[in-house]
């Protein structure tokens, strides 16, 4: 099973339907079992839908990565890797 870090690393590809079938299945298994990653996935999916429907702005990739790191830092227990 994939770790949370692996799921987050593959999330963009998963949302864009650009991951291999085997990886997609592993991600879906993890998302079904991990509340934290499911919340991150749902939030990213909703944000992506809002941005693509409004077409009001583009986020540089560096900002997206920074946001993901900040989210993970807040949802991880203190002292966890």
Protein backbone atom coordinates (compact mmCIF):
# COMPACT_ATOMS: atom_id res chain seq x y z
CA UNK A 1 0.00 0.00 0.00
CA UNK A 2 1.20 3.52 -0.75
CA UNK A 3 2.26 5.92 1.98
CA UNK A 4 0.61 9.31 2.42
CA UNK A 5 3.68 11.00 0.90
CA UNK A 6 3.45 8.79 -2.19
CA UNK A 7 -0.26 9.51 -2.56
CA UNK A 8 0.31 13.27 -2.30
CA UNK A 9 3.16 13.04 -4.82
CA UNK A 10 0.87 11.29 -7.33
CA UNK A 11 -2.27 13.30 -6.59
CA UNK A 12 -1.96 15.72 -9.52
CA UNK A 13 -1.56 12.86 -11.98
CA UNK A 14 -4.48 11.04 -10.40
CA UNK A 15 -6.71 14.10 -10.65
CA UNK A 16 -5.69 14.54 -14.30
CA UNK A 17 -6.28 10.83 -15.02
CA UNK A 18 -2.63 10.46 -15.99
CA UNK A 19 -1.56 7.53 -13.81
CA UNK A 20 -1.23 3.88 -14.79
CA UNK A 21 -4.11 1.55 -13.97
CA UNK A 22 -2.17 -0.26 -11.22
CA UNK A 23 -1.16 2.98 -9.56
CA UNK A 24 -4.74 4.28 -9.80
CA UNK A 25 -5.97 1.19 -7.98
CA UNK A 26 -3.36 1.57 -5.23
CA UNK A 27 -4.21 5.25 -4.80
CA UNK A 28 -7.91 4.46 -4.58
CA UNK A 29 -7.27 1.79 -1.94
CA UNK A 30 -5.25 4.27 0.09
CA UNK A 31 -7.84 7.02 -0.30
CA UNK A 32 -10.57 4.64 0.87
CA UNK A 33 -8.63 3.87 4.05
CA UNK A 34 -6.92 7.17 4.89
CA UNK A 35 -9.16 10.00 6.04
CA UNK A 36 -6.39 12.60 5.83
CA UNK A 37 -5.50 11.84 2.21
CA UNK A 38 -9.18 11.63 1.29
CA UNK A 39 -9.76 15.13 2.70
CA UNK A 40 -6.75 16.44 0.76
CA UNK A 41 -7.97 14.73 -2.41
CA UNK A 42 -11.52 16.07 -2.01
CA UNK A 43 -10.23 19.58 -1.33
CA UNK A 44 -7.90 19.50 -4.32
CA UNK A 45 -10.65 18.16 -6.57
CA UNK A 46 -13.06 20.89 -5.45
CA UNK A 47 -10.43 23.62 -5.84
CA UNK A 48 -9.55 22.32 -9.30
CA UNK A 49 -13.21 22.35 -10.29
CA UNK A 50 -13.65 25.93 -9.06
CA UNK A 51 -10.56 27.14 -10.90
CA UNK A 52 -11.36 25.34 -14.14
CA UNK A 53 -15.00 26.41 -14.12
CA UNK A 54 -14.22 30.07 -13.46
CA UNK A 55 -11.03 30.15 -15.55
CA UNK A 56 -10.11 33.23 -13.58
CA UNK A 57 -6.45 32.47 -12.87
CA UNK A 58 -3.62 29.95 -13.10
CA UNK A 59 -1.50 28.88 -10.16
CA UNK A 60 2.20 28.34 -10.81
CA UNK A 61 3.31 24.80 -9.96
CA UNK A 62 5.62 26.08 -7.20
CA UNK A 63 2.63 27.57 -5.38
CA UNK A 64 0.69 24.32 -5.65
CA UNK A 65 3.61 22.38 -4.13
CA UNK A 66 3.95 24.91 -1.31
CA UNK A 67 0.23 24.67 -0.53
CA UNK A 68 0.39 20.86 -0.45
CA UNK A 69 3.38 20.95 1.93
CA UNK A 70 1.57 23.39 4.23
CA UNK A 71 -1.55 21.22 4.28
CA UNK A 72 0.47 18.08 5.06
CA UNK A 73 2.36 19.88 7.83
CA UNK A 74 -0.94 20.76 9.47
CA UNK A 75 -2.57 17.34 9.20
CA UNK A 76 0.41 15.26 10.30
CA UNK A 77 0.82 14.58 14.00
CA UNK A 78 3.74 16.46 15.55
CA UNK A 79 6.97 14.52 15.28
CA UNK A 80 5.75 12.35 12.39
CA UNK A 81 8.01 12.17 9.30
